[in-house]
Amino acid sequence: MKRILLIALGLILVSGVFVGAAPAGERNIRIGIAINDLQLERWQRDWSYMEAACKALGVDFISQSADGDEQKQLTQVESMLTQGIDALVIIAVSTESMAQAVNLAHESNVPVICYDRLISNADVDYYVTFDMIGVGREQAKFLVERVPKGKYFLLQGDKTDNNAYLFYEGQMEVLQPYIDSGDIEIVAEQWADGWSEQNALNLTENVLTSANNQIDAILATNDSTASGAVRALEAQGLAGIIPITGQDCDLAACKRIVAGTQTMSIYKRLENLATAAINLAVDVSKGNQVVTNDTYDNKFKEVPTLALDLLVVTKDTMMQYVIADGFHSYDDVYADIPEELRPPRP
């Protein structure tokens, strides 16, 4: 938790090494954890849970953050391989350009587990994720249940992230029949580079201007893009009027949801995902049998996948999921809500 605090204060974690105790005469399993960017709240949480899982299992790990730099991540993977890791868990900076990292790992006979971002065009051994197509499905289902007819703005993520296309695939599974019938009109479809809040703000401002504010729903694919869209809506007096989706249940998003300016977010139990990834890495390192429940096509092969379930969080389910799980505290989420308007404390 100390490292997470340092990140929040603007200091970026460069590396972390933990050495556990192995039985006499045996070498501990060592897991490499290559993280895309610990400047983002989402990945800070994943890393802290993976660290805890490694310590609970008594395995060594080497973790490094690439700070969003593709070449830096490749160099870090090379460094981990020279330190004798038995498996590599990687959150790729770019799913399109990190195939070389997979190739380098395999040259050292190190299996690669992609974590929540599937590297394309590479012989990835395993993928651990949530149901990414299901994320898009749930977002679109949520909106069409509330706005079955109207003008939609689709605010997508980063085109270099394979997940963005999976989310889109799920969204269109639900939306296409409504589009074909003419009930839903897509007034704009934009992609926010880097999943950036600022880029999302700019895109939403432009779309609101071109549509003369005549938009009935915004399908924002994650919470950072939703944040930018909400800022644009606030400037037009439309926040809380136009339904808007999200994903990840960032604290700021949860506060927007209970305040009514963001309508929902997709909640992923990150501790479960992180623990599953480390357990998988350990099993692969030991040569144990691995059980998966899905496959994902990464343009090279159908990658064996362990896909976890997800939940829809609204103002009505915030207490049931996010607060009950301890993902965020009651006081943090409801900090801006008057005491008399808050739900009872758990």
Protein backbone atom coordinates (compact mmCIF):
# COMPACT_ATOMS: atom_id res chain seq x y z
CA MET A 1 0.00 0.00 0.00
CA LYS A 2 2.98 2.28 0.58
CA ARG A 3 3.94 2.00 -3.08
CA ILE A 4 0.41 2.84 -4.16
CA LEU A 5 0.58 5.98 -2.01
CA LEU A 6 3.85 6.96 -3.67
CA ILE A 7 2.21 6.65 -7.06
CA ALA A 8 -0.69 8.82 -5.94
CA LEU A 9 1.86 11.44 -4.91
CA GLY A 10 3.31 11.44 -8.40
CA LEU A 11 6.27 9.07 -7.95
CA ILE A 12 6.27 6.22 -10.45
CA LEU A 13 7.18 2.70 -9.35
CA VAL A 14 10.13 1.53 -11.45
CA SER A 15 10.49 -1.97 -10.10
CA GLY A 16 9.66 -4.21 -7.20
CA VAL A 17 11.21 -7.50 -6.12
CA PHE A 18 9.97 -9.90 -3.49
CA VAL A 19 11.89 -12.97 -2.38
CA GLY A 20 10.04 -15.65 -0.45
CA ALA A 21 11.38 -18.59 1.50
CA ALA A 22 11.89 -21.84 -0.45
CA PRO A 23 12.52 -25.27 1.09
CA ALA A 24 16.19 -26.16 1.51
CA GLY A 25 17.78 -27.17 -1.78
CA GLU A 26 14.93 -25.77 -3.88
CA ARG A 27 14.69 -22.53 -5.84
CA ASN A 28 11.53 -20.52 -5.47
CA ILE A 29 9.31 -20.04 -8.47
CA ARG A 30 9.85 -16.54 -9.82
CA ILE A 31 7.12 -14.67 -11.67
CA GLY A 32 7.74 -11.63 -13.87
CA ILE A 33 4.96 -9.03 -13.83
CA ALA A 34 5.23 -6.45 -16.63
CA ILE A 35 2.75 -3.63 -16.08
CA ASN A 36 1.73 -1.10 -18.69
CA ASP A 37 1.25 2.03 -16.58
CA LEU A 38 0.98 2.39 -12.81
CA GLN A 39 -0.05 6.02 -13.14
CA LEU A 40 -3.64 4.80 -13.66
CA GLU A 41 -5.81 3.81 -10.69
CA ARG A 42 -7.04 0.66 -12.40
CA TRP A 43 -3.60 -0.87 -12.83
CA GLN A 44 -2.42 0.20 -9.38
CA ARG A 45 -5.16 -1.98 -7.95
CA ASP A 46 -4.33 -4.97 -10.15
CA TRP A 47 -0.65 -4.75 -9.25
CA SER A 48 -1.34 -4.57 -5.52
CA TYR A 49 -3.57 -7.65 -5.71
CA MET A 50 -0.98 -9.58 -7.75
CA GLU A 51 1.72 -8.65 -5.24
CA ALA A 52 -0.48 -9.90 -2.40
CA ALA A 53 -1.20 -13.15 -4.26
CA CYS A 54 2.52 -13.79 -4.83
CA LYS A 55 3.28 -13.22 -1.16
CA ALA A 56 0.39 -15.44 -0.07
CA LEU A 57 1.75 -18.26 -2.22
CA GLY A 58 5.33 -17.63 -1.12
CA VAL A 59 6.65 -17.18 -4.67
CA ASP A 60 9.21 -14.64 -5.82
CA PHE A 61 8.23 -11.93 -8.26
CA ILE A 62 9.78 -9.10 -10.22
CA SER A 63 7.39 -6.29 -11.17
CA GLN A 64 8.01 -3.25 -13.35
CA SER A 65 5.88 -0.45 -14.77
CA ALA A 66 6.54 0.82 -18.29
CA ASP A 67 4.75 4.13 -17.69
CA GLY A 68 2.91 3.75 -21.00
CA ASP A 69 6.14 3.37 -23.04
CA GLU A 70 6.21 0.39 -25.44
CA GLN A 71 10.00 0.27 -25.85
CA LYS A 72 10.48 0.58 -22.11
CA GLN A 73 8.21 -2.39 -21.52
CA LEU A 74 10.14 -4.50 -24.02
CA THR A 75 13.41 -3.60 -22.30
CA GLN A 76 11.91 -4.48 -18.93
CA VAL A 77 10.77 -7.88 -20.21
CA GLU A 78 14.29 -8.55 -21.50
CA SER A 79 15.66 -7.65 -18.06
CA MET A 80 13.21 -9.98 -16.30
CA LEU A 81 14.19 -12.84 -18.57
CA THR A 82 17.86 -12.41 -17.66
CA GLN A 83 16.85 -12.72 -13.99
CA GLY A 84 15.50 -16.21 -14.46
CA ILE A 85 11.73 -15.87 -14.31
CA ASP A 86 9.61 -19.01 -14.72
CA ALA A 87 6.53 -17.30 -16.16
CA LEU A 88 5.69 -13.83 -17.46
CA VAL A 89 2.43 -12.05 -16.67
CA ILE A 90 2.13 -9.02 -18.92
CA ILE A 91 -0.30 -6.11 -19.09
CA ALA A 92 0.73 -4.86 -22.52
CA VAL A 93 1.23 -1.17 -23.23
CA SER A 94 0.14 -1.89 -26.80
CA THR A 95 -1.57 -5.13 -27.77
CA GLU A 96 -0.49 -4.53 -31.35
CA SER A 97 3.26 -4.13 -30.84
CA MET A 98 4.29 -6.45 -28.01
CA ALA A 99 4.53 -9.70 -29.97
CA GLN A 100 8.30 -9.36 -29.72
CA ALA A 101 8.06 -9.66 -25.94
CA VAL A 102 6.24 -12.97 -26.34
CA ASN A 103 8.86 -14.20 -28.80
CA LEU A 104 11.71 -13.24 -26.46
CA ALA A 105 10.05 -15.05 -23.57
CA HIS A 106 9.60 -18.20 -25.61
CA GLU A 107 13.24 -18.10 -26.68
CA SER A 108 13.99 -18.41 -22.96
CA ASN A 109 11.32 -21.14 -22.55
CA VAL A 110 9.19 -18.82 -20.43
CA PRO A 111 5.39 -19.10 -20.86
CA VAL A 112 3.45 -15.86 -21.33
CA ILE A 113 0.15 -15.01 -19.67
CA CYS A 114 -1.59 -11.91 -21.04
CA TYR A 115 -3.46 -10.07 -18.31
CA ASP A 116 -6.67 -8.33 -19.38
CA ARG A 117 -5.05 -7.15 -22.63
CA LEU A 118 -4.48 -9.77 -25.32
CA ILE A 119 -1.32 -9.30 -27.39
CA SER A 120 -2.05 -9.74 -31.11
CA ASN A 121 -0.18 -11.81 -33.68
CA ALA A 122 1.81 -13.78 -31.14
CA ASP A 123 1.93 -17.30 -29.72
CA VAL A 124 0.49 -16.29 -26.34
CA ASP A 125 0.19 -19.23 -23.95
CA TYR A 126 -2.75 -18.05 -21.85
CA TYR A 127 -5.07 -15.08 -21.42
CA VAL A 128 -6.69 -14.10 -18.12
CA THR A 129 -9.48 -11.58 -18.39
CA PHE A 130 -13.09 -10.76 -17.81
CA ASP A 131 -15.69 -11.43 -20.49
CA MET A 132 -14.62 -8.54 -22.70
CA ILE A 133 -17.33 -9.00 -25.32
CA GLY A 134 -19.74 -9.33 -22.39
CA VAL A 135 -18.66 -5.89 -21.13
CA GLY A 136 -19.86 -4.28 -24.34
CA ARG A 137 -23.01 -6.38 -24.31
CA GLU A 138 -23.93 -5.30 -20.79
CA GLN A 139 -23.25 -1.63 -21.53
CA ALA A 140 -25.46 -1.67 -24.61
CA LYS A 141 -28.22 -3.72 -22.94
CA PHE A 142 -28.27 -1.25 -20.08
CA LEU A 143 -28.80 1.68 -22.45
CA VAL A 144 -31.39 0.14 -24.75
CA GLU A 145 -33.48 -0.89 -21.74
CA ARG A 146 -33.62 2.81 -20.83
CA VAL A 147 -33.44 4.41 -24.27
CA PRO A 148 -34.87 1.92 -26.80
CA LYS A 149 -35.29 4.67 -29.35
CA GLY A 150 -33.11 7.71 -29.92
CA LYS A 151 -29.78 9.16 -30.97
CA TYR A 152 -26.67 7.47 -29.60
CA PHE A 153 -23.07 8.63 -29.41
CA LEU A 154 -20.57 5.74 -29.25
CA LEU A 155 -17.44 6.87 -27.41
CA GLN A 156 -14.88 4.12 -27.87
CA GLY A 157 -11.39 3.61 -26.44
CA ASP A 158 -7.90 3.38 -27.88
CA LYS A 159 -7.58 1.76 -31.30
CA THR A 160 -4.25 0.18 -30.29
CA ASP A 161 -5.96 -1.81 -27.51
CA ASN A 162 -7.45 -5.10 -28.72
CA ASN A 163 -9.95 -4.95 -25.85
CA ALA A 164 -11.53 -1.85 -27.38
CA TYR A 165 -12.60 -3.92 -30.39
CA LEU A 166 -13.97 -6.70 -28.17
CA PHE A 167 -16.04 -4.17 -26.23
CA TYR A 168 -17.28 -2.75 -29.53
CA GLU A 169 -18.17 -6.22 -30.80
CA GLY A 170 -20.35 -6.85 -27.76
CA GLN A 171 -21.98 -3.44 -28.03
CA MET A 172 -22.90 -3.95 -31.66
CA GLU A 173 -24.36 -7.42 -30.99
CA VAL A 174 -27.02 -5.64 -28.96
CA LEU A 175 -27.33 -2.36 -30.89
CA GLN A 176 -27.37 -3.60 -34.49
CA PRO A 177 -30.99 -4.83 -34.54
CA TYR A 178 -32.14 -1.48 -33.15
CA ILE A 179 -30.01 0.35 -35.72
CA ASP A 180 -31.38 -1.82 -38.54
CA SER A 181 -34.97 -1.13 -37.47
CA GLY A 182 -34.30 2.61 -37.32
CA ASP A 183 -35.12 2.84 -33.62
CA ILE A 184 -31.56 3.85 -32.78
CA GLU A 185 -29.50 6.31 -34.80
CA ILE A 186 -25.74 6.45 -34.26
CA VAL A 187 -25.04 10.17 -34.59
CA ALA A 188 -21.29 9.70 -34.06
CA GLU A 189 -18.71 7.04 -33.31
CA GLN A 190 -15.36 8.29 -32.01
CA TRP A 191 -12.24 6.61 -30.60
CA ALA A 192 -10.30 8.26 -27.77
CA ASP A 193 -6.54 7.80 -28.09
CA GLY A 194 -4.97 6.41 -24.94
CA TRP A 195 -8.40 6.09 -23.30
CA SER A 196 -7.70 9.72 -22.41
CA GLU A 197 -10.25 11.77 -20.45
CA GLN A 198 -9.11 14.92 -22.24
CA ASN A 199 -9.46 13.31 -25.66
CA ALA A 200 -12.92 12.08 -24.70
CA LEU A 201 -13.86 15.57 -23.52
CA ASN A 202 -12.78 17.10 -26.82
CA LEU A 203 -14.58 14.47 -28.88
CA THR A 204 -17.80 14.81 -26.89
CA GLU A 205 -17.74 18.60 -27.15
CA ASN A 206 -17.42 18.33 -30.93
CA VAL A 207 -20.23 15.80 -31.20
CA LEU A 208 -22.57 17.86 -28.99
CA THR A 209 -21.87 20.90 -31.14
CA SER A 210 -22.46 19.07 -34.45
CA ALA A 211 -25.64 17.41 -33.11
CA ASN A 212 -26.91 20.65 -31.55
CA ASN A 213 -27.02 18.78 -28.21
CA GLN A 214 -29.64 16.41 -29.63
CA ILE A 215 -28.23 13.19 -28.15
CA ASP A 216 -30.28 10.72 -26.11
CA ALA A 217 -27.57 8.35 -24.83
CA ILE A 218 -23.79 8.10 -24.67
CA LEU A 219 -22.14 4.70 -24.69
CA ALA A 220 -18.75 5.49 -23.12
CA THR A 221 -16.65 2.35 -22.98
CA ASN A 222 -14.75 3.02 -19.75
CA ASP A 223 -14.71 5.42 -16.82
CA SER A 224 -11.96 7.72 -18.08
CA THR A 225 -13.81 8.32 -21.35
CA ALA A 226 -17.06 8.67 -19.38
CA SER A 227 -15.38 11.31 -17.23
CA GLY A 228 -14.49 13.39 -20.27
CA ALA A 229 -18.00 13.02 -21.64
CA VAL A 230 -19.60 14.03 -18.33
CA ARG A 231 -17.44 17.17 -18.22
CA ALA A 232 -18.68 18.08 -21.70
CA LEU A 233 -22.29 17.41 -20.64
CA GLU A 234 -21.88 19.54 -17.51
CA ALA A 235 -20.82 22.49 -19.63
CA GLN A 236 -24.10 22.17 -21.54
CA GLY A 237 -26.30 21.58 -18.49
CA LEU A 238 -26.96 18.00 -19.61
CA ALA A 239 -25.12 15.99 -16.95
CA GLY A 240 -27.56 13.62 -15.27
CA ILE A 241 -30.04 13.99 -18.11
CA ILE A 242 -28.31 11.96 -20.83
CA PRO A 243 -27.62 8.35 -19.69
CA ILE A 244 -23.94 7.42 -19.91
CA THR A 245 -22.13 4.14 -19.35
CA GLY A 246 -18.65 3.30 -18.09
CA GLN A 247 -16.35 0.50 -16.96
CA ASP A 248 -13.91 -0.24 -14.08
CA CYS A 249 -15.72 1.49 -11.18
CA ASP A 250 -12.94 4.01 -10.58
CA LEU A 251 -13.58 6.02 -7.43
CA ALA A 252 -14.38 9.18 -9.39
CA ALA A 253 -16.86 7.21 -11.50
CA CYS A 254 -18.54 5.72 -8.43
CA LYS A 255 -18.91 9.23 -7.00
CA ARG A 256 -20.48 10.37 -10.28
CA ILE A 257 -22.86 7.42 -10.23
CA VAL A 258 -24.20 8.14 -6.74
CA ALA A 259 -24.41 11.84 -7.67
CA GLY A 260 -26.39 10.95 -10.81
CA THR A 261 -24.08 12.32 -13.52
CA GLN A 262 -22.87 8.89 -14.70
CA THR A 263 -25.49 6.17 -14.99
CA MET A 264 -23.54 2.93 -14.63
CA SER A 265 -20.16 1.25 -14.68
CA ILE A 266 -19.03 -2.31 -15.21
CA TYR A 267 -17.53 -3.72 -12.02
CA LYS A 268 -14.74 -6.25 -12.27
CA ARG A 269 -13.62 -8.01 -9.13
CA LEU A 270 -9.94 -7.26 -9.73
CA GLU A 271 -8.70 -9.23 -6.74
CA ASN A 272 -10.21 -12.37 -8.28
CA LEU A 273 -8.58 -11.63 -11.64
CA ALA A 274 -5.16 -10.88 -10.17
CA THR A 275 -5.22 -13.96 -7.96
CA ALA A 276 -6.31 -16.15 -10.87
CA ALA A 277 -3.43 -14.85 -13.00
CA ILE A 278 -0.80 -15.56 -10.34
CA ASN A 279 -2.28 -19.00 -9.61
CA LEU A 280 -2.16 -19.75 -13.33
CA ALA A 281 1.46 -18.56 -13.57
CA VAL A 282 2.43 -20.81 -10.67
CA ASP A 283 0.60 -23.82 -12.11
CA VAL A 284 2.26 -23.35 -15.50
CA SER A 285 5.66 -23.00 -13.84
CA LYS A 286 5.12 -26.25 -11.92
CA GLY A 287 3.77 -28.11 -14.94
CA ASN A 288 0.37 -28.54 -13.30
CA GLN A 289 -2.80 -29.03 -15.31
CA VAL A 290 -4.41 -25.71 -16.24
CA VAL A 291 -8.17 -25.32 -16.60
CA THR A 292 -9.57 -22.59 -18.88
CA ASN A 293 -13.15 -21.79 -19.87
CA ASP A 294 -12.90 -19.85 -23.14
CA THR A 295 -10.68 -18.93 -26.07
CA TYR A 296 -9.91 -15.60 -27.75
CA ASP A 297 -8.57 -15.11 -31.26
CA ASN A 298 -5.45 -12.91 -31.29
CA LYS A 299 -4.92 -13.16 -35.07
CA PHE A 300 -2.30 -15.87 -34.51
CA LYS A 301 -4.24 -18.56 -32.63
CA GLU A 302 -7.20 -19.25 -30.40
CA VAL A 303 -5.61 -18.43 -27.05
CA PRO A 304 -6.74 -20.57 -24.08
CA THR A 305 -8.53 -18.13 -21.79
CA LEU A 306 -9.74 -17.93 -18.22
CA ALA A 307 -12.65 -15.46 -18.39
CA LEU A 308 -14.20 -14.16 -15.17
CA ASP A 309 -17.71 -12.79 -14.68
CA LEU A 310 -18.58 -9.11 -14.29
CA LEU A 311 -21.30 -7.01 -12.65
CA VAL A 312 -23.29 -3.89 -13.54
CA VAL A 313 -23.07 -1.13 -10.91
CA THR A 314 -25.66 1.62 -10.65
CA LYS A 315 -26.71 3.94 -7.85
CA ASP A 316 -28.99 1.12 -6.66
CA THR A 317 -26.30 -1.61 -6.60
CA MET A 318 -23.32 0.45 -5.38
CA MET A 319 -23.70 -0.73 -1.79
CA GLN A 320 -24.31 -4.35 -2.78
CA TYR A 321 -21.16 -4.72 -4.88
CA VAL A 322 -18.55 -1.98 -4.59
CA ILE A 323 -19.00 -1.07 -0.91
CA ALA A 324 -19.73 -4.62 0.30
CA ASP A 325 -16.56 -5.87 -1.42
CA GLY A 326 -14.45 -3.10 0.09
CA PHE A 327 -13.42 -2.03 -3.40
CA HIS A 328 -14.04 1.57 -2.31
CA SER A 329 -15.08 2.81 1.11
CA TYR A 330 -18.54 4.12 1.94
CA ASP A 331 -17.06 7.44 3.07
CA ASP A 332 -15.09 7.90 -0.15
CA VAL A 333 -17.92 7.06 -2.52
CA TYR A 334 -20.54 9.16 -0.72
CA ALA A 335 -18.21 12.00 0.29
CA ASP A 336 -20.13 14.54 -1.80
CA ILE A 337 -23.60 13.30 -0.91
CA PRO A 338 -25.37 14.99 2.04
CA GLU A 339 -25.64 12.68 5.03
CA GLU A 340 -29.44 12.62 4.94
CA LEU A 341 -29.43 11.46 1.30
CA ARG A 342 -26.95 8.61 1.75
CA PRO A 343 -28.02 4.98 2.14
CA PRO A 344 -27.54 3.46 5.61
CA ARG A 345 -23.97 2.51 6.47
CA PRO A 346 -23.16 -1.17 6.10
